[in-house]
C-alpha atoms as a PDB file:
ATOM      1  CA  UNK A   1      14.327   8.816 -10.813  1.00  0.00           C
ATOM      2  CA  UNK A   2      13.130   5.517 -10.725  1.00  0.00           C
ATOM      3  CA  UNK A   3      13.731   2.811  -7.944  1.00  0.00           C
ATOM      4  CA  UNK A   4      15.369  -0.517  -8.213  1.00  0.00           C
ATOM      5  CA  UNK A   5      13.475  -3.364  -6.881  1.00  0.00           C
ATOM      6  CA  UNK A   6      13.825  -7.025  -6.927  1.00  0.00           C
ATOM      7  CA  UNK A   7      10.926  -9.520  -5.636  1.00  0.00           C
ATOM      8  CA  UNK A   8      11.006 -13.226  -4.980  1.00  0.00           C
ATOM      9  CA  UNK A   9       8.094 -15.318  -3.874  1.00  0.00           C
ATOM     10  CA  UNK A  10       8.018 -18.751  -2.981  1.00  0.00           C
ATOM     11  CA  UNK A  11       5.687 -21.424  -1.276  1.00  0.00           C
ATOM     12  CA  UNK A  12       7.138 -23.643   1.519  1.00  0.00           C
ATOM     13  CA  UNK A  13       5.303 -26.552   3.012  1.00  0.00           C
ATOM     14  CA  UNK A  14       5.458 -25.226   6.741  1.00  0.00           C
ATOM     15  CA  UNK A  15       3.513 -23.141   9.208  1.00  0.00           C
ATOM     16  CA  UNK A  16       4.115 -18.943   9.420  1.00  0.00           C
ATOM     17  CA  UNK A  17       5.451 -19.585  12.866  1.00  0.00           C
ATOM     18  CA  UNK A  18       8.053 -21.985  11.830  1.00  0.00           C
ATOM     19  CA  UNK A  19       8.970 -20.017   8.926  1.00  0.00           C
ATOM     20  CA  UNK A  20       9.559 -16.953  11.238  1.00  0.00           C
ATOM     21  CA  UNK A  21      11.295 -19.085  13.415  1.00  0.00           C
ATOM     22  CA  UNK A  22      13.702 -20.102  10.546  1.00  0.00           C
ATOM     23  CA  UNK A  23      14.119 -16.625   9.381  1.00  0.00           C
ATOM     24  CA  UNK A  24      14.932 -15.267  12.740  1.00  0.00           C
ATOM     25  CA  UNK A  25      17.108 -17.806  14.488  1.00  0.00           C
ATOM     26  CA  UNK A  26      20.648 -16.871  13.914  1.00  0.00           C
ATOM     27  CA  UNK A  27      21.924 -20.476  14.506  1.00  0.00           C
ATOM     28  CA  UNK A  28      19.641 -22.177  11.771  1.00  0.00           C
ATOM     29  CA  UNK A  29      20.245 -19.243   9.393  1.00  0.00           C
ATOM     30  CA  UNK A  30      23.860 -20.311   9.334  1.00  0.00           C
ATOM     31  CA  UNK A  31      22.626 -23.630   7.524  1.00  0.00           C
ATOM     32  CA  UNK A  32      20.713 -22.030   4.659  1.00  0.00           C
ATOM     33  CA  UNK A  33      22.741 -18.991   4.272  1.00  0.00           C
ATOM     34  CA  UNK A  34      26.030 -20.818   3.352  1.00  0.00           C
ATOM     35  CA  UNK A  35      27.651 -20.412   6.942  1.00  0.00           C
ATOM     36  CA  UNK A  36      26.786 -16.494   7.371  1.00  0.00           C
ATOM     37  CA  UNK A  37      25.002 -15.714  10.600  1.00  0.00           C
ATOM     38  CA  UNK A  38      23.382 -12.649  11.768  1.00  0.00           C
ATOM     39  CA  UNK A  39      22.906 -10.680  15.208  1.00  0.00           C
ATOM     40  CA  UNK A  40      19.517  -9.201  16.073  1.00  0.00           C
ATOM     41  CA  UNK A  41      16.839  -9.242  18.535  1.00  0.00           C
ATOM     42  CA  UNK A  42      14.405  -8.577  15.845  1.00  0.00           C
ATOM     43  CA  UNK A  43      12.666  -5.827  17.559  1.00  0.00           C
ATOM     44  CA  UNK A  44      11.581  -2.610  15.596  1.00  0.00           C
ATOM     45  CA  UNK A  45      14.400  -0.011  16.179  1.00  0.00           C
ATOM     46  CA  UNK A  46      17.110  -2.908  16.971  1.00  0.00           C
ATOM     47  CA  UNK A  47      20.472  -3.091  15.095  1.00  0.00           C
ATOM     48  CA  UNK A  48      20.857  -6.020  12.554  1.00  0.00           C
ATOM     49  CA  UNK A  49      23.961  -7.445  11.112  1.00  0.00           C
ATOM     50  CA  UNK A  50      25.196 -10.511   9.072  1.00  0.00           C
ATOM     51  CA  UNK A  51      28.415 -11.891   9.876  1.00  0.00           C
ATOM     52  CA  UNK A  52      30.438 -14.006   7.683  1.00  0.00           C
ATOM     53  CA  UNK A  53      32.562 -16.969   8.897  1.00  0.00           C
ATOM     54  CA  UNK A  54      35.675 -15.226   9.156  1.00  0.00           C
ATOM     55  CA  UNK A  55      33.882 -12.615  11.406  1.00  0.00           C
ATOM     56  CA  UNK A  56      33.509  -9.846   8.953  1.00  0.00           C
ATOM     57  CA  UNK A  57      30.529  -7.769   8.831  1.00  0.00           C
ATOM     58  CA  UNK A  58      28.969  -8.379   5.627  1.00  0.00           C
ATOM     59  CA  UNK A  59      25.680  -6.012   6.026  1.00  0.00           C
ATOM     60  CA  UNK A  60      24.317  -4.095   8.541  1.00  0.00           C
ATOM     61  CA  UNK A  61      21.212  -1.943   9.256  1.00  0.00           C
ATOM     62  CA  UNK A  62      18.161  -1.886  11.459  1.00  0.00           C
ATOM     63  CA  UNK A  63      15.133  -3.593  12.099  1.00  0.00           C
ATOM     64  CA  UNK A  64      12.219  -1.155  10.773  1.00  0.00           C
ATOM     65  CA  UNK A  65       9.282  -3.262  11.330  1.00  0.00           C
ATOM     66  CA  UNK A  66       8.817  -6.503  13.065  1.00  0.00           C
ATOM     67  CA  UNK A  67       5.419  -8.492  12.972  1.00  0.00           C
ATOM     68  CA  UNK A  68       5.752 -12.139  13.893  1.00  0.00           C
ATOM     69  CA  UNK A  69       4.766 -14.323  11.993  1.00  0.00           C
ATOM     70  CA  UNK A  70       3.533 -11.926   9.128  1.00  0.00           C
ATOM     71  CA  UNK A  71       6.024  -9.439   8.530  1.00  0.00           C
ATOM     72  CA  UNK A  72       9.739  -8.098   8.877  1.00  0.00           C
ATOM     73  CA  UNK A  73      11.246  -4.955   7.635  1.00  0.00           C
ATOM     74  CA  UNK A  74      15.045  -4.380   7.442  1.00  0.00           C
ATOM     75  CA  UNK A  75      16.967  -1.226   6.764  1.00  0.00           C
ATOM     76  CA  UNK A  76      19.884  -2.866   4.822  1.00  0.00           C
ATOM     77  CA  UNK A  77      23.734  -1.885   3.470  1.00  0.00           C
ATOM     78  CA  UNK A  78      26.031  -3.833   2.400  1.00  0.00           C
ATOM     79  CA  UNK A  79      29.362  -3.111   4.254  1.00  0.00           C
ATOM     80  CA  UNK A  80      32.384  -5.133   2.399  1.00  0.00           C
ATOM     81  CA  UNK A  81      32.547  -3.755  -0.963  1.00  0.00           C
ATOM     82  CA  UNK A  82      32.791   0.233  -1.317  1.00  0.00           C
ATOM     83  CA  UNK A  83      30.896   0.344  -4.565  1.00  0.00           C
ATOM     84  CA  UNK A  84      27.886  -1.211  -3.015  1.00  0.00           C
ATOM     85  CA  UNK A  85      28.274   0.500   0.395  1.00  0.00           C
ATOM     86  CA  UNK A  86      28.175   3.976  -1.058  1.00  0.00           C
ATOM     87  CA  UNK A  87      24.440   3.348  -2.643  1.00  0.00           C
ATOM     88  CA  UNK A  88      23.403   3.682   1.040  1.00  0.00           C
ATOM     89  CA  UNK A  89      20.582   1.488   2.437  1.00  0.00           C
ATOM     90  CA  UNK A  90      18.031  -0.335   0.762  1.00  0.00           C
ATOM     91  CA  UNK A  91      14.827  -1.662   2.150  1.00  0.00           C
ATOM     92  CA  UNK A  92      14.094  -5.604   2.760  1.00  0.00           C
ATOM     93  CA  UNK A  93      10.724  -6.612   3.251  1.00  0.00           C
ATOM     94  CA  UNK A  94       9.903 -10.321   4.197  1.00  0.00           C
ATOM     95  CA  UNK A  95       6.172 -10.949   4.015  1.00  0.00           C
ATOM     96  CA  UNK A  96       4.704 -14.042   5.293  1.00  0.00           C
ATOM     97  CA  UNK A  97       1.007 -15.164   4.105  1.00  0.00           C
ATOM     98  CA  UNK A  98      -0.746 -18.557   4.942  1.00  0.00           C
ATOM     99  CA  UNK A  99      -1.272 -20.399   1.577  1.00  0.00           C
ATOM    100  CA  UNK A 100      -3.421 -23.645   2.249  1.00  0.00           C
ATOM    101  CA  UNK A 101      -0.852 -26.410   3.700  1.00  0.00           C
ATOM    102  CA  UNK A 102       1.864 -24.148   2.945  1.00  0.00           C
ATOM    103  CA  UNK A 103       3.148 -20.398   3.429  1.00  0.00           C
ATOM    104  CA  UNK A 104       3.920 -17.994   0.749  1.00  0.00           C
ATOM    105  CA  UNK A 105       7.000 -15.954   1.455  1.00  0.00           C
ATOM    106  CA  UNK A 106       7.544 -12.886  -0.371  1.00  0.00           C
ATOM    107  CA  UNK A 107      11.040 -10.816  -0.240  1.00  0.00           C
ATOM    108  CA  UNK A 108      10.880  -7.267  -1.653  1.00  0.00           C
ATOM    109  CA  UNK A 109      14.477  -5.690  -1.528  1.00  0.00           C
ATOM    110  CA  UNK A 110      14.497  -1.959  -3.088  1.00  0.00           C
ATOM    111  CA  UNK A 111      16.708   0.864  -3.164  1.00  0.00           C
ATOM    112  CA  UNK A 112      15.730   4.477  -4.070  1.00  0.00           C
ATOM    113  CA  UNK A 113      17.828   4.484  -7.220  1.00  0.00           C
ATOM    114  CA  UNK A 114      17.875   3.647 -10.692  1.00  0.00           C
ATOM    115  CA  UNK A 115      20.307   0.646 -11.965  1.00  0.00           C
ATOM    116  CA  UNK A 116      21.209  -0.270  -8.344  1.00  0.00           C
ATOM    117  CA  UNK A 117      24.475  -2.326  -7.959  1.00  0.00           C
ATOM    118  CA  UNK A 118      23.217  -3.609  -4.792  1.00  0.00           C
ATOM    119  CA  UNK A 119      20.020  -4.753  -6.091  1.00  0.00           C
ATOM    120  CA  UNK A 120      21.954  -6.357  -9.135  1.00  0.00           C
ATOM    121  CA  UNK A 121      23.618  -8.335  -6.336  1.00  0.00           C
ATOM    122  CA  UNK A 122      20.947  -9.486  -4.107  1.00  0.00           C
ATOM    123  CA  UNK A 123      18.895 -10.800  -7.382  1.00  0.00           C
ATOM    124  CA  UNK A 124      21.510 -13.240  -7.624  1.00  0.00           C
ATOM    125  CA  UNK A 125      21.690 -14.453  -3.957  1.00  0.00           C
ATOM    126  CA  UNK A 126      18.182 -14.384  -2.874  1.00  0.00           C
ATOM    127  CA  UNK A 127      17.075 -17.186  -5.292  1.00  0.00           C
ATOM    128  CA  UNK A 128      19.868 -19.541  -3.607  1.00  0.00           C
ATOM    129  CA  UNK A 129      19.370 -18.681  -0.166  1.00  0.00           C
ATOM    130  CA  UNK A 130      15.650 -19.152  -0.443  1.00  0.00           C
ATOM    131  CA  UNK A 131      16.110 -22.357  -2.254  1.00  0.00           C
ATOM    132  CA  UNK A 132      18.151 -23.432   0.430  1.00  0.00           C
ATOM    133  CA  UNK A 133      15.642 -22.249   3.309  1.00  0.00           C
ATOM    134  CA  UNK A 134      12.489 -24.037   1.590  1.00  0.00           C
ATOM    135  CA  UNK A 135      14.576 -27.078   1.164  1.00  0.00           C
ATOM    136  CA  UNK A 136      15.796 -27.175   4.597  1.00  0.00           C
ATOM    137  CA  UNK A 137      12.711 -26.744   5.984  1.00  0.00           C
ATOM    138  CA  UNK A 138      10.960 -29.350   3.535  1.00  0.00           C
ATOM    139  CA  UNK A 139      13.566 -32.218   3.530  1.00  0.00           C
ATOM    140  CA  UNK A 140      16.028 -31.255   6.288  1.00  0.00           C
ATOM    141  CA  UNK A 141      18.861 -30.360   3.658  1.00  0.00           C
ATOM    142  CA  UNK A 142      20.178 -27.547   2.054  1.00  0.00           C
ATOM    143  CA  UNK A 143      20.206 -27.815  -2.003  1.00  0.00           C
ATOM    144  CA  UNK A 144      23.528 -25.718  -2.277  1.00  0.00           C
ATOM    145  CA  UNK A 145      26.312 -26.208   0.009  1.00  0.00           C
ATOM    146  CA  UNK A 146      28.112 -22.916  -1.243  1.00  0.00           C
ATOM    147  CA  UNK A 147      27.419 -19.901  -2.725  1.00  0.00           C
ATOM    148  CA  UNK A 148      29.028 -20.299  -6.225  1.00  0.00           C
ATOM    149  CA  UNK A 149      29.751 -17.288  -8.280  1.00  0.00           C
ATOM    150  CA  UNK A 150      29.283 -14.128  -5.989  1.00  0.00           C
ATOM    151  CA  UNK A 151      26.527 -11.815  -7.891  1.00  0.00           C
ATOM    152  CA  UNK A 152      28.067  -9.048  -6.424  1.00  0.00           C
ATOM    153  CA  UNK A 153      31.149  -9.178  -7.848  1.00  0.00           C
ATOM    154  CA  UNK A 154      29.359  -9.443 -11.522  1.00  0.00           C
ATOM    155  CA  UNK A 155      27.161  -6.501 -10.246  1.00  0.00           C
ATOM    156  CA  UNK A 156      30.185  -4.214  -9.945  1.00  0.00           C
ATOM    157  CA  UNK A 157      31.658  -4.979 -13.592  1.00  0.00           C
ATOM    158  CA  UNK A 158      28.340  -4.217 -15.057  1.00  0.00           C
END
């Protein structure tokens, strides 16, 4: 059986330390993640969850690996849509590498099943979130103010 994997890389004009802070500061995250925040202490073995503006837990899991400011690995399961939740846990890896006067951020989000609806869903979300993150760090403003066209719903219809 083949895995389903989504990989996305972007270059951000910042330092690894500032990018790590942006990825793990729950208040800062709300700005680029369309109002969604997180709850975690970002230590290996700790719980992790994403919380929507209305208080619903959208995603939850565990911090598998935390090596500031280089690597973060999260065991991740979608909690709201039964069709996505039943796929079980995926794995999301954030790799941070210096690249001259910038930082390369690579997101690798995968699950051990072929044709995953979870991966189809995140493949639409990650580019929007990371565009907002990059713009917010570099200019102080997000590019997208709301998450138009939820890819998760489209993935369920596929």
